[in-house]
Amino acid sequence: MNLRYLFLVFCLSGLWIHAQSIKWMTLGDALEAQRENPKKIIIDVYTDWCGPCKLMDKKTFQNRDVATYISKYYYAVKFNAEGQEKINYYGNTFTNPDYDPNRNGRNSTHQFTKFLGVKGYPTVVFISETGDLITPLVGYQNPQQIELYLKMIKQGDYMIFSKPEDFENYRKNFRPRFKG
């Protein structure tokens, strides 16, 4: 094989791999980016000790179809539900005053986690282009499961639901396209 050909393949494969990853940012950076280019925000609320969180990070968020879709249509935020990050949201400041840096495993719950109404991990929270909470999605989601929510929320289809049966019909008729 020609050396230039191998070099070209190497460069292109690097671009392909790079295109698969999500560019995670802080909530502050995502809210700032919304001012310039309005897009919805997806927040991955996780903890360091959560096995399903790690699995979702590896199997779902690193899935090429999921990563490409999120990168194109959302600002992606990773938020440690038990971390010590300072969050400013709608004029309020949220912290974790009981955070213990010496503790291994579970730590105290961040005030912003409570504000979001997170009851389990992982939870994916969707925020509108104007910064309003749309919905939390609790629990591990594989690529095909999260695809339904990514597309429904991006397209605004959730706004036409008036009763639980509307979502159930939507879910029943949805045909996933993401590869596993």
N, C-alpha and C. Protein backbone atom coordinates (compact mmCIF):
# COMPACT_ATOMS: atom_id res chain seq x y z
N MET A 1 0.83 -1.19 0.00
CA MET A 1 0.00 0.00 0.00
C MET A 1 0.87 1.25 0.00
N ASN A 2 0.36 2.23 -0.64
CA ASN A 2 1.01 3.51 -0.74
C ASN A 2 0.97 4.23 0.61
N LEU A 3 2.06 4.88 1.01
CA LEU A 3 2.15 5.57 2.29
C LEU A 3 1.19 6.76 2.36
N ARG A 4 1.02 7.47 1.25
CA ARG A 4 0.08 8.60 1.22
C ARG A 4 -1.35 8.12 1.44
N TYR A 5 -1.68 6.97 0.88
CA TYR A 5 -3.02 6.40 1.05
C TYR A 5 -3.27 6.07 2.53
N LEU A 6 -2.28 5.44 3.17
CA LEU A 6 -2.41 5.11 4.59
C LEU A 6 -2.57 6.37 5.44
N PHE A 7 -1.81 7.41 5.10
CA PHE A 7 -1.90 8.67 5.83
C PHE A 7 -3.30 9.27 5.67
N LEU A 8 -3.84 9.24 4.47
CA LEU A 8 -5.17 9.77 4.21
C LEU A 8 -6.24 8.99 4.98
N VAL A 9 -6.13 7.67 4.98
CA VAL A 9 -7.06 6.84 5.74
C VAL A 9 -6.97 7.16 7.23
N PHE A 10 -5.77 7.32 7.73
CA PHE A 10 -5.56 7.65 9.14
C PHE A 10 -6.21 9.00 9.48
N CYS A 11 -6.00 9.99 8.64
CA CYS A 11 -6.58 11.33 8.89
C CYS A 11 -8.10 11.28 8.84
N LEU A 12 -8.65 10.61 7.85
CA LEU A 12 -10.10 10.53 7.73
C LEU A 12 -10.72 9.74 8.88
N SER A 13 -10.05 8.69 9.32
CA SER A 13 -10.59 7.93 10.45
C SER A 13 -10.55 8.77 11.70
N GLY A 14 -9.56 9.63 11.85
CA GLY A 14 -9.51 10.54 12.99
C GLY A 14 -10.67 11.51 12.97
N LEU A 15 -11.02 12.01 11.80
CA LEU A 15 -12.19 12.90 11.68
C LEU A 15 -13.47 12.14 12.00
N TRP A 16 -13.57 10.91 11.55
CA TRP A 16 -14.76 10.11 11.80
C TRP A 16 -14.94 9.86 13.29
N ILE A 17 -13.84 9.51 13.97
CA ILE A 17 -13.90 9.27 15.40
C ILE A 17 -14.26 10.55 16.13
N HIS A 18 -13.66 11.68 15.74
CA HIS A 18 -13.94 12.96 16.38
C HIS A 18 -15.40 13.35 16.20
N ALA A 19 -15.96 13.07 15.05
CA ALA A 19 -17.35 13.43 14.77
C ALA A 19 -18.33 12.64 15.64
N GLN A 20 -17.88 11.55 16.25
CA GLN A 20 -18.74 10.71 17.06
C GLN A 20 -18.87 11.19 18.50
N SER A 21 -18.00 12.08 18.94
CA SER A 21 -18.02 12.44 20.35
C SER A 21 -18.83 13.70 20.60
N ILE A 22 -19.45 13.71 21.77
CA ILE A 22 -20.26 14.85 22.19
C ILE A 22 -19.33 15.86 22.85
N LYS A 23 -19.52 17.12 22.53
CA LYS A 23 -18.76 18.19 23.18
C LYS A 23 -19.55 18.61 24.42
N TRP A 24 -19.16 18.10 25.58
CA TRP A 24 -19.84 18.42 26.82
C TRP A 24 -19.39 19.79 27.30
N MET A 25 -20.32 20.52 27.91
CA MET A 25 -20.01 21.85 28.42
C MET A 25 -20.70 22.05 29.77
N THR A 26 -20.39 23.15 30.42
CA THR A 26 -21.07 23.47 31.66
C THR A 26 -22.44 24.06 31.34
N LEU A 27 -23.32 24.08 32.31
CA LEU A 27 -24.63 24.68 32.10
C LEU A 27 -24.49 26.16 31.79
N GLY A 28 -23.59 26.84 32.49
CA GLY A 28 -23.37 28.27 32.23
C GLY A 28 -22.96 28.52 30.78
N ASP A 29 -22.05 27.69 30.27
CA ASP A 29 -21.61 27.84 28.88
C ASP A 29 -22.75 27.54 27.91
N ALA A 30 -23.58 26.54 28.23
CA ALA A 30 -24.71 26.19 27.36
C ALA A 30 -25.74 27.32 27.33
N LEU A 31 -26.04 27.88 28.48
CA LEU A 31 -27.00 28.99 28.53
C LEU A 31 -26.47 30.21 27.79
N GLU A 32 -25.18 30.45 27.87
CA GLU A 32 -24.54 31.54 27.14
C GLU A 32 -24.60 31.28 25.63
N ALA A 33 -24.33 30.05 25.22
CA ALA A 33 -24.37 29.68 23.80
C ALA A 33 -25.79 29.85 23.25
N GLN A 34 -26.79 29.59 24.07
CA GLN A 34 -28.18 29.74 23.63
C GLN A 34 -28.50 31.18 23.22
N ARG A 35 -27.83 32.14 23.85
CA ARG A 35 -28.09 33.55 23.51
C ARG A 35 -27.67 33.86 22.08
N GLU A 36 -26.60 33.22 21.63
CA GLU A 36 -26.09 33.43 20.28
C GLU A 36 -26.79 32.55 19.25
N ASN A 37 -27.02 31.31 19.62
CA ASN A 37 -27.61 30.33 18.71
C ASN A 37 -28.57 29.45 19.50
N PRO A 38 -29.87 29.80 19.52
CA PRO A 38 -30.83 29.05 20.34
C PRO A 38 -30.94 27.58 19.92
N LYS A 39 -30.66 26.70 20.88
CA LYS A 39 -30.86 25.26 20.75
C LYS A 39 -31.28 24.77 22.13
N LYS A 40 -31.94 23.64 22.15
CA LYS A 40 -32.29 23.04 23.43
C LYS A 40 -31.03 22.51 24.11
N ILE A 41 -31.14 22.31 25.42
CA ILE A 41 -30.04 21.78 26.22
C ILE A 41 -30.43 20.40 26.73
N ILE A 42 -29.49 19.49 26.70
CA ILE A 42 -29.67 18.18 27.31
C ILE A 42 -28.64 18.08 28.44
N ILE A 43 -29.11 17.75 29.64
CA ILE A 43 -28.21 17.62 30.79
C ILE A 43 -28.17 16.16 31.22
N ASP A 44 -26.98 15.61 31.26
CA ASP A 44 -26.77 14.27 31.79
C ASP A 44 -26.46 14.43 33.27
N VAL A 45 -27.44 14.14 34.13
CA VAL A 45 -27.27 14.24 35.58
C VAL A 45 -26.81 12.85 36.06
N TYR A 46 -25.60 12.80 36.59
CA TYR A 46 -24.98 11.53 36.94
C TYR A 46 -24.33 11.63 38.32
N THR A 47 -23.85 10.52 38.82
CA THR A 47 -22.98 10.50 40.00
C THR A 47 -21.78 9.62 39.68
N ASP A 48 -20.71 9.82 40.44
CA ASP A 48 -19.49 9.04 40.20
C ASP A 48 -19.65 7.56 40.54
N TRP A 49 -20.54 7.24 41.49
CA TRP A 49 -20.68 5.86 41.95
C TRP A 49 -21.75 5.07 41.19
N CYS A 50 -22.46 5.71 40.29
CA CYS A 50 -23.62 5.11 39.61
C CYS A 50 -23.21 4.25 38.42
N GLY A 51 -23.42 2.92 38.55
CA GLY A 51 -23.10 1.99 37.47
C GLY A 51 -23.88 2.25 36.19
N PRO A 52 -25.23 2.42 36.27
CA PRO A 52 -25.99 2.71 35.05
C PRO A 52 -25.57 4.03 34.39
N CYS A 53 -25.09 4.99 35.19
CA CYS A 53 -24.60 6.26 34.61
C CYS A 53 -23.38 6.00 33.73
N LYS A 54 -22.47 5.17 34.24
CA LYS A 54 -21.26 4.84 33.49
C LYS A 54 -21.60 4.05 32.23
N LEU A 55 -22.55 3.14 32.36
CA LEU A 55 -22.98 2.35 31.22
C LEU A 55 -23.61 3.24 30.15
N MET A 56 -24.45 4.19 30.58
CA MET A 56 -25.10 5.09 29.63
C MET A 56 -24.07 5.99 28.94
N ASP A 57 -23.07 6.41 29.70
CA ASP A 57 -22.01 7.22 29.12
C ASP A 57 -21.28 6.43 28.04
N LYS A 58 -20.99 5.17 28.32
CA LYS A 58 -20.23 4.33 27.40
C LYS A 58 -21.07 3.82 26.22
N LYS A 59 -22.24 3.28 26.52
CA LYS A 59 -23.05 2.63 25.49
C LYS A 59 -23.97 3.57 24.72
N THR A 60 -24.45 4.61 25.37
CA THR A 60 -25.43 5.50 24.73
C THR A 60 -24.79 6.78 24.21
N PHE A 61 -24.14 7.52 25.10
CA PHE A 61 -23.59 8.81 24.69
C PHE A 61 -22.39 8.68 23.77
N GLN A 62 -21.74 7.52 23.74
CA GLN A 62 -20.63 7.32 22.81
C GLN A 62 -21.09 6.61 21.53
N ASN A 63 -22.37 6.33 21.44
CA ASN A 63 -22.94 5.77 20.21
C ASN A 63 -22.85 6.84 19.12
N ARG A 64 -22.39 6.46 17.96
CA ARG A 64 -22.19 7.44 16.88
C ARG A 64 -23.47 8.20 16.52
N ASP A 65 -24.59 7.50 16.38
CA ASP A 65 -25.84 8.16 16.00
C ASP A 65 -26.31 9.13 17.09
N VAL A 66 -26.24 8.70 18.33
CA VAL A 66 -26.66 9.54 19.45
C VAL A 66 -25.77 10.78 19.54
N ALA A 67 -24.46 10.56 19.50
CA ALA A 67 -23.51 11.67 19.62
C ALA A 67 -23.68 12.67 18.48
N THR A 68 -23.85 12.18 17.27
CA THR A 68 -24.03 13.06 16.12
C THR A 68 -25.31 13.89 16.27
N TYR A 69 -26.39 13.24 16.66
CA TYR A 69 -27.68 13.94 16.80
C TYR A 69 -27.62 14.99 17.91
N ILE A 70 -27.09 14.60 19.07
CA ILE A 70 -26.99 15.56 20.17
C ILE A 70 -26.10 16.72 19.78
N SER A 71 -24.96 16.44 19.17
CA SER A 71 -24.03 17.51 18.79
C SER A 71 -24.65 18.48 17.80
N LYS A 72 -25.51 17.99 16.95
CA LYS A 72 -26.12 18.85 15.94
C LYS A 72 -27.28 19.68 16.49
N TYR A 73 -28.10 19.11 17.36
CA TYR A 73 -29.35 19.76 17.74
C TYR A 73 -29.44 20.24 19.19
N TYR A 74 -28.45 19.92 20.01
CA TYR A 74 -28.50 20.28 21.43
C TYR A 74 -27.17 20.84 21.90
N TYR A 75 -27.23 21.57 23.02
CA TYR A 75 -26.04 21.84 23.80
C TYR A 75 -26.04 20.77 24.88
N ALA A 76 -24.93 20.07 25.03
CA ALA A 76 -24.85 18.93 25.95
C ALA A 76 -24.10 19.32 27.21
N VAL A 77 -24.72 19.03 28.35
CA VAL A 77 -24.16 19.37 29.66
C VAL A 77 -24.04 18.10 30.49
N LYS A 78 -22.89 17.91 31.12
CA LYS A 78 -22.71 16.85 32.12
C LYS A 78 -22.75 17.54 33.47
N PHE A 79 -23.57 17.00 34.37
CA PHE A 79 -23.68 17.60 35.69
C PHE A 79 -23.62 16.52 36.75
N ASN A 80 -22.62 16.60 37.62
CA ASN A 80 -22.47 15.66 38.72
C ASN A 80 -23.46 16.05 39.82
N ALA A 81 -24.44 15.20 40.05
CA ALA A 81 -25.53 15.48 40.99
C ALA A 81 -25.06 15.60 42.42
N GLU A 82 -23.84 15.15 42.69
CA GLU A 82 -23.29 15.23 44.04
C GLU A 82 -21.97 16.01 44.04
N GLY A 83 -21.76 16.80 42.99
CA GLY A 83 -20.51 17.55 42.87
C GLY A 83 -20.57 18.89 43.57
N GLN A 84 -19.54 19.69 43.35
CA GLN A 84 -19.47 20.98 44.03
C GLN A 84 -19.49 22.17 43.07
N GLU A 85 -19.92 21.94 41.84
CA GLU A 85 -20.01 23.02 40.86
C GLU A 85 -21.03 24.06 41.30
N LYS A 86 -20.72 25.32 41.08
CA LYS A 86 -21.65 26.42 41.37
C LYS A 86 -22.49 26.66 40.12
N ILE A 87 -23.81 26.62 40.27
CA ILE A 87 -24.72 26.77 39.13
C ILE A 87 -25.53 28.06 39.30
N ASN A 88 -25.55 28.86 38.24
CA ASN A 88 -26.42 30.04 38.20
C ASN A 88 -27.50 29.77 37.16
N TYR A 89 -28.75 29.82 37.61
CA TYR A 89 -29.86 29.49 36.72
C TYR A 89 -31.06 30.35 37.11
N TYR A 90 -31.57 31.11 36.17
CA TYR A 90 -32.73 31.98 36.40
C TYR A 90 -32.55 32.88 37.62
N GLY A 91 -31.37 33.47 37.76
CA GLY A 91 -31.13 34.40 38.85
C GLY A 91 -30.89 33.75 40.20
N ASN A 92 -30.87 32.43 40.26
CA ASN A 92 -30.60 31.71 41.50
C ASN A 92 -29.23 31.07 41.43
N THR A 93 -28.57 30.98 42.58
CA THR A 93 -27.29 30.30 42.67
C THR A 93 -27.48 29.02 43.47
N PHE A 94 -27.02 27.93 42.88
CA PHE A 94 -27.14 26.61 43.50
C PHE A 94 -25.74 26.08 43.80
N THR A 95 -25.56 25.53 44.98
CA THR A 95 -24.28 24.96 45.39
C THR A 95 -24.55 23.64 46.10
N ASN A 96 -23.51 23.07 46.64
CA ASN A 96 -23.62 21.84 47.44
C ASN A 96 -22.90 22.10 48.77
N PRO A 97 -23.56 22.82 49.68
CA PRO A 97 -22.88 23.22 50.92
C PRO A 97 -22.43 22.06 51.80
N ASP A 98 -23.04 20.91 51.67
CA ASP A 98 -22.66 19.76 52.51
C ASP A 98 -21.69 18.81 51.81
N TYR A 99 -21.16 19.23 50.66
CA TYR A 99 -20.21 18.39 49.92
C TYR A 99 -18.99 18.10 50.79
N ASP A 100 -18.57 16.85 50.81
CA ASP A 100 -17.40 16.44 51.58
C ASP A 100 -16.35 15.88 50.62
N PRO A 101 -15.28 16.63 50.35
CA PRO A 101 -14.27 16.18 49.39
C PRO A 101 -13.53 14.92 49.84
N ASN A 102 -13.60 14.58 51.11
CA ASN A 102 -12.90 13.40 51.63
C ASN A 102 -13.75 12.14 51.57
N ARG A 103 -15.00 12.27 51.20
CA ARG A 103 -15.91 11.12 51.18
C ARG A 103 -15.75 10.34 49.88
N ASN A 104 -15.67 9.03 49.99
CA ASN A 104 -15.66 8.16 48.82
C ASN A 104 -17.07 7.63 48.61
N GLY A 105 -17.45 7.43 47.37
CA GLY A 105 -18.81 6.94 47.09
C GLY A 105 -19.82 8.07 47.14
N ARG A 106 -20.96 7.79 47.72
CA ARG A 106 -22.04 8.78 47.75
C ARG A 106 -21.64 10.02 48.53
N ASN A 107 -22.14 11.17 48.06
CA ASN A 107 -21.89 12.44 48.72
C ASN A 107 -23.22 13.14 48.88
N SER A 108 -23.21 14.35 49.35
CA SER A 108 -24.48 15.06 49.53
C SER A 108 -25.03 15.48 48.16
N THR A 109 -26.32 15.63 48.10
CA THR A 109 -26.99 16.00 46.85
C THR A 109 -26.91 17.50 46.63
N HIS A 110 -26.53 17.88 45.42
CA HIS A 110 -26.41 19.28 45.03
C HIS A 110 -27.78 19.94 45.03
N GLN A 111 -27.83 21.21 45.40
CA GLN A 111 -29.11 21.96 45.41
C GLN A 111 -29.76 21.98 44.03
N PHE A 112 -28.95 22.06 42.97
CA PHE A 112 -29.51 22.11 41.62
C PHE A 112 -30.16 20.77 41.25
N THR A 113 -29.60 19.69 41.74
CA THR A 113 -30.19 18.36 41.52
C THR A 113 -31.60 18.34 42.11
N LYS A 114 -31.74 18.86 43.31
CA LYS A 114 -33.05 18.92 43.97
C LYS A 114 -34.00 19.83 43.20
N PHE A 115 -33.48 20.98 42.75
CA PHE A 115 -34.29 21.93 41.98
C PHE A 115 -34.85 21.27 40.72
N LEU A 116 -34.03 20.46 40.06
CA LEU A 116 -34.46 19.77 38.84
C LEU A 116 -35.46 18.66 39.13
N GLY A 117 -35.60 18.27 40.38
CA GLY A 117 -36.53 17.21 40.74
C GLY A 117 -36.00 15.82 40.44
N VAL A 118 -34.68 15.68 40.36
CA VAL A 118 -34.07 14.39 40.04
C VAL A 118 -34.27 13.43 41.21
N LYS A 119 -34.80 12.26 40.90
CA LYS A 119 -35.10 11.25 41.92
C LYS A 119 -34.25 10.00 41.78
N GLY A 120 -33.53 9.85 40.68
CA GLY A 120 -32.71 8.67 40.45
C GLY A 120 -31.65 8.97 39.41
N TYR A 121 -30.67 8.09 39.31
CA TYR A 121 -29.56 8.29 38.38
C TYR A 121 -29.41 7.09 37.47
N PRO A 122 -29.06 7.33 36.23
CA PRO A 122 -28.90 8.64 35.61
C PRO A 122 -30.27 9.28 35.32
N THR A 123 -30.27 10.57 35.19
CA THR A 123 -31.44 11.31 34.71
C THR A 123 -30.96 12.25 33.63
N VAL A 124 -31.69 12.30 32.54
CA VAL A 124 -31.42 13.25 31.46
C VAL A 124 -32.50 14.31 31.56
N VAL A 125 -32.08 15.57 31.63
CA VAL A 125 -33.02 16.69 31.74
C VAL A 125 -32.94 17.50 30.45
N PHE A 126 -34.10 17.84 29.91
CA PHE A 126 -34.17 18.65 28.70
C PHE A 126 -34.62 20.06 29.07
N ILE A 127 -33.95 21.06 28.48
CA ILE A 127 -34.26 22.47 28.72
C ILE A 127 -34.51 23.13 27.36
N SER A 128 -35.53 23.97 27.31
CA SER A 128 -35.90 24.63 26.05
C SER A 128 -34.88 25.69 25.64
N GLU A 129 -35.07 26.23 24.45
CA GLU A 129 -34.21 27.29 23.92
C GLU A 129 -34.26 28.54 24.78
N THR A 130 -35.32 28.71 25.54
CA THR A 130 -35.47 29.89 26.40
C THR A 130 -35.07 29.59 27.85
N GLY A 131 -34.55 28.39 28.10
CA GLY A 131 -34.06 28.05 29.43
C GLY A 131 -35.08 27.43 30.36
N ASP A 132 -36.27 27.11 29.85
CA ASP A 132 -37.30 26.49 30.69
C ASP A 132 -37.12 24.98 30.72
N LEU A 133 -37.41 24.38 31.88
CA LEU A 133 -37.34 22.93 32.01
C LEU A 133 -38.44 22.30 31.16
N ILE A 134 -38.09 21.28 30.39
CA ILE A 134 -39.08 20.55 29.59
C ILE A 134 -39.49 19.28 30.33
N THR A 135 -38.52 18.40 30.55
CA THR A 135 -38.85 17.15 31.24
C THR A 135 -37.58 16.43 31.66
N PRO A 136 -37.67 15.67 32.75
CA PRO A 136 -36.58 14.76 33.09
C PRO A 136 -36.89 13.37 32.54
N LEU A 137 -35.87 12.63 32.24
CA LEU A 137 -35.99 11.25 31.77
C LEU A 137 -35.12 10.41 32.69
N VAL A 138 -35.76 9.64 33.56
CA VAL A 138 -35.04 8.92 34.61
C VAL A 138 -34.66 7.51 34.15
N GLY A 139 -33.43 7.14 34.47
CA GLY A 139 -32.98 5.77 34.24
C GLY A 139 -32.13 5.61 32.99
N TYR A 140 -31.48 4.46 32.94
CA TYR A 140 -30.64 4.13 31.80
C TYR A 140 -31.48 4.07 30.52
N GLN A 141 -30.98 4.67 29.46
CA GLN A 141 -31.62 4.64 28.15
C GLN A 141 -30.59 4.14 27.14
N ASN A 142 -30.96 3.12 26.36
CA ASN A 142 -30.06 2.69 25.29
C ASN A 142 -30.25 3.65 24.10
N PRO A 143 -29.44 3.54 23.05
CA PRO A 143 -29.54 4.49 21.93
C PRO A 143 -30.93 4.58 21.31
N GLN A 144 -31.62 3.47 21.14
CA GLN A 144 -32.95 3.50 20.52
C GLN A 144 -33.98 4.12 21.47
N GLN A 145 -33.85 3.89 22.76
CA GLN A 145 -34.78 4.47 23.72
C GLN A 145 -34.63 5.98 23.82
N ILE A 146 -33.40 6.46 23.88
CA ILE A 146 -33.19 7.90 24.00
C ILE A 146 -33.50 8.61 22.68
N GLU A 147 -33.38 7.90 21.57
CA GLU A 147 -33.69 8.49 20.26
C GLU A 147 -35.11 9.05 20.23
N LEU A 148 -36.05 8.31 20.76
CA LEU A 148 -37.44 8.77 20.80
C LEU A 148 -37.54 10.14 21.45
N TYR A 149 -36.90 10.30 22.61
CA TYR A 149 -36.98 11.56 23.36
C TYR A 149 -36.18 12.67 22.67
N LEU A 150 -35.00 12.34 22.17
CA LEU A 150 -34.19 13.35 21.48
C LEU A 150 -34.96 13.96 20.32
N LYS A 151 -35.59 13.12 19.52
CA LYS A 151 -36.31 13.61 18.34
C LYS A 151 -37.64 14.27 18.71
N MET A 152 -38.38 13.68 19.64
CA MET A 152 -39.66 14.24 20.06
C MET A 152 -39.47 15.64 20.64
N ILE A 153 -38.45 15.81 21.46
CA ILE A 153 -38.23 17.10 22.10
C ILE A 153 -37.61 18.10 21.13
N LYS A 154 -36.68 17.66 20.32
CA LYS A 154 -36.07 18.57 19.33
C LYS A 154 -37.13 19.12 18.39
N GLN A 155 -38.04 18.26 17.94
CA GLN A 155 -39.07 18.67 16.98
C GLN A 155 -40.25 19.39 17.63
N GLY A 156 -40.32 19.36 18.97
CA GLY A 156 -41.42 20.02 19.67
C GLY A 156 -42.70 19.20 19.69
N ASP A 157 -42.63 17.93 19.31
CA ASP A 157 -43.83 17.09 19.26
C ASP A 157 -44.48 16.93 20.63
N TYR A 158 -43.68 16.99 21.70
CA TYR A 158 -44.22 16.84 23.05
C TYR A 158 -45.24 17.92 23.40
N MET A 159 -45.18 19.06 22.73
CA MET A 159 -46.08 20.17 23.05
C MET A 159 -47.53 19.93 22.61
N ILE A 160 -47.74 18.93 21.76
CA ILE A 160 -49.11 18.67 21.30
C ILE A 160 -49.81 17.59 22.12
N PHE A 161 -49.09 16.99 23.06
CA PHE A 161 -49.70 15.95 23.89
C PHE A 161 -50.61 16.60 24.93
N SER A 162 -51.85 16.12 25.01
CA SER A 162 -52.75 16.66 26.02
C SER A 162 -53.15 15.61 27.05
N LYS A 163 -52.88 14.36 26.75
CA LYS A 163 -53.20 13.28 27.68
C LYS A 163 -52.18 12.16 27.52
N PRO A 164 -52.05 11.30 28.54
CA PRO A 164 -51.03 10.23 28.48
C PRO A 164 -51.13 9.35 27.23
N GLU A 165 -52.32 9.13 26.74
CA GLU A 165 -52.48 8.28 25.55
C GLU A 165 -51.79 8.89 24.32
N ASP A 166 -51.70 10.22 24.27
CA ASP A 166 -51.04 10.87 23.14
C ASP A 166 -49.57 10.44 23.06
N PHE A 167 -48.89 10.46 24.21
CA PHE A 167 -47.49 10.02 24.23
C PHE A 167 -47.40 8.54 23.90
N GLU A 168 -48.28 7.75 24.46
CA GLU A 168 -48.24 6.30 24.23
C GLU A 168 -48.42 5.99 22.74
N ASN A 169 -49.32 6.68 22.07
CA ASN A 169 -49.50 6.50 20.62
C ASN A 169 -48.26 6.94 19.85
N TYR A 170 -47.67 8.06 20.27
CA TYR A 170 -46.45 8.55 19.64
C TYR A 170 -45.35 7.50 19.77
N ARG A 171 -45.18 6.99 21.00
CA ARG A 171 -44.15 5.99 21.26
C ARG A 171 -44.39 4.72 20.44
N LYS A 172 -45.65 4.30 20.35
CA LYS A 172 -45.99 3.08 19.62
C LYS A 172 -45.69 3.22 18.12
N ASN A 173 -45.87 4.41 17.59
CA ASN A 173 -45.68 4.64 16.15
C ASN A 173 -44.27 5.08 15.78
N PHE A 174 -43.44 5.33 16.78
CA PHE A 174 -42.08 5.79 16.53
C PHE A 174 -41.22 4.63 16.02
N ARG A 175 -40.45 4.89 14.98
CA ARG A 175 -39.55 3.87 14.42
C ARG A 175 -38.11 4.34 14.61
N PRO A 176 -37.38 3.72 15.54
CA PRO A 176 -36.00 4.14 15.77
C PRO A 176 -35.11 3.88 14.56
N ARG A 177 -34.17 4.78 14.34
CA ARG A 177 -33.23 4.67 13.24
C ARG A 177 -31.78 4.53 13.72
N PHE A 178 -31.54 4.86 14.99
CA PHE A 178 -30.17 4.77 15.52
C PHE A 178 -29.74 3.31 15.60
N LYS A 179 -28.50 3.08 15.27
CA LYS A 179 -27.93 1.74 15.39
C LYS A 179 -27.54 1.48 16.84
N GLY A 180 -27.56 0.22 17.25
CA GLY A 180 -27.24 -0.15 18.63
C GLY A 180 -25.83 -0.28 18.93
